[in-house]
Amino acid sequence: MNIATFIDHTILKPTTTSEDIVKLCEEANSFGFAAVCVPPYFVRQAKLLLQDTSVKVATVIGFPFGYSSTRSKLEEIKEALAEGVDEVDMVINLAALKSGDLEFVEHETERCVTLTHASSKVLKLIVESGILTDLELAGCCAIVRSTKADFIKTSTGYAEKGAAVHAVKLMRQHLPSNIFIKASGGIRDYTFAKELIDAGANRIGCSASIKILEESKAQ
C-alpha cells in the first residue's frame, strides 16, 4: 500500500503564511500526496503552485465550527470554486445537529453539494464524529447518502476528540462504497493511519504526512 495516495497534506492554522504554502505544495508534489488542504485565502496560490501536477487543492468551508449561515457557506464555496479549488471540506452545522434539526442540516448540505457538483468538484462533509453519539453519526451518514455528498469527514482537528477507528467503522457500515470517508484529527503516526484505512477510510487528513510516510517505508 502506498499510503501517500491516501493523504491530504494539511495546514489550517490561522498563522499560516505564503511560505508555508510553498513548502506544503512542494512536499505534496514531491511525495505524491492526494491533495493539499489549505485555508481559503491560499487556494489561488496553491493552484498556481500545483498546476500541471496530479495533486488536488482542497479548502475548508464554515470552518471550524460550522454554525455560519447557509448563505455564508454558499458564498465561501462560490469564491473557492472561482479560485480553482478541486475539493471543499465543509463543516456541518453542529448547533442544528445537536438541537435535533436534521431537516435544516440536510437542506443546507444539499444546497452546498448541488453548488459544488455543478462545477464537477468534490464536497466532503465534516461531521466532528468525536463529539457525536453513534445515533447522531448514523444520522449524519443518512444525510450524506440522501444529499450525495462525495465524502464524510471525521473532524476539523479543533474539537476535543478527533478521528477514531470506531467512528470510521460505523460510517463504513452506514454508507455505500461510492461514498468515501476521510479521517482527520490527531493522526500523527503510521500505525494509527493504517488502522483507520483498514477500518474503511479512503483519505487521511494530517499535517504529520511526511513522518507517516517515512514510518510506512520503514515498516
Foldseek 3Di string as FASTA:
>chain_A
DQQQQQEAAEDEDPPDDPVNLLVSLVVCQVSVHQEYEYALVCLLVSCVSQPPGNYFYEYEFCPDQQQDDLVRRQVSLVSSVVSPHQEYEYEFNVVCLVVVNLVVRLVSLLVNQVSQCVSPHAYEYEHQQVPDDLVSLLSVLVSCVVSVHQEYEHHPQPDPDFFDLVSLLSSVVNHDPRRAYEGEHPDQEQVRVVSSVVSGHRHYYDNNSVRRSVRVVVD
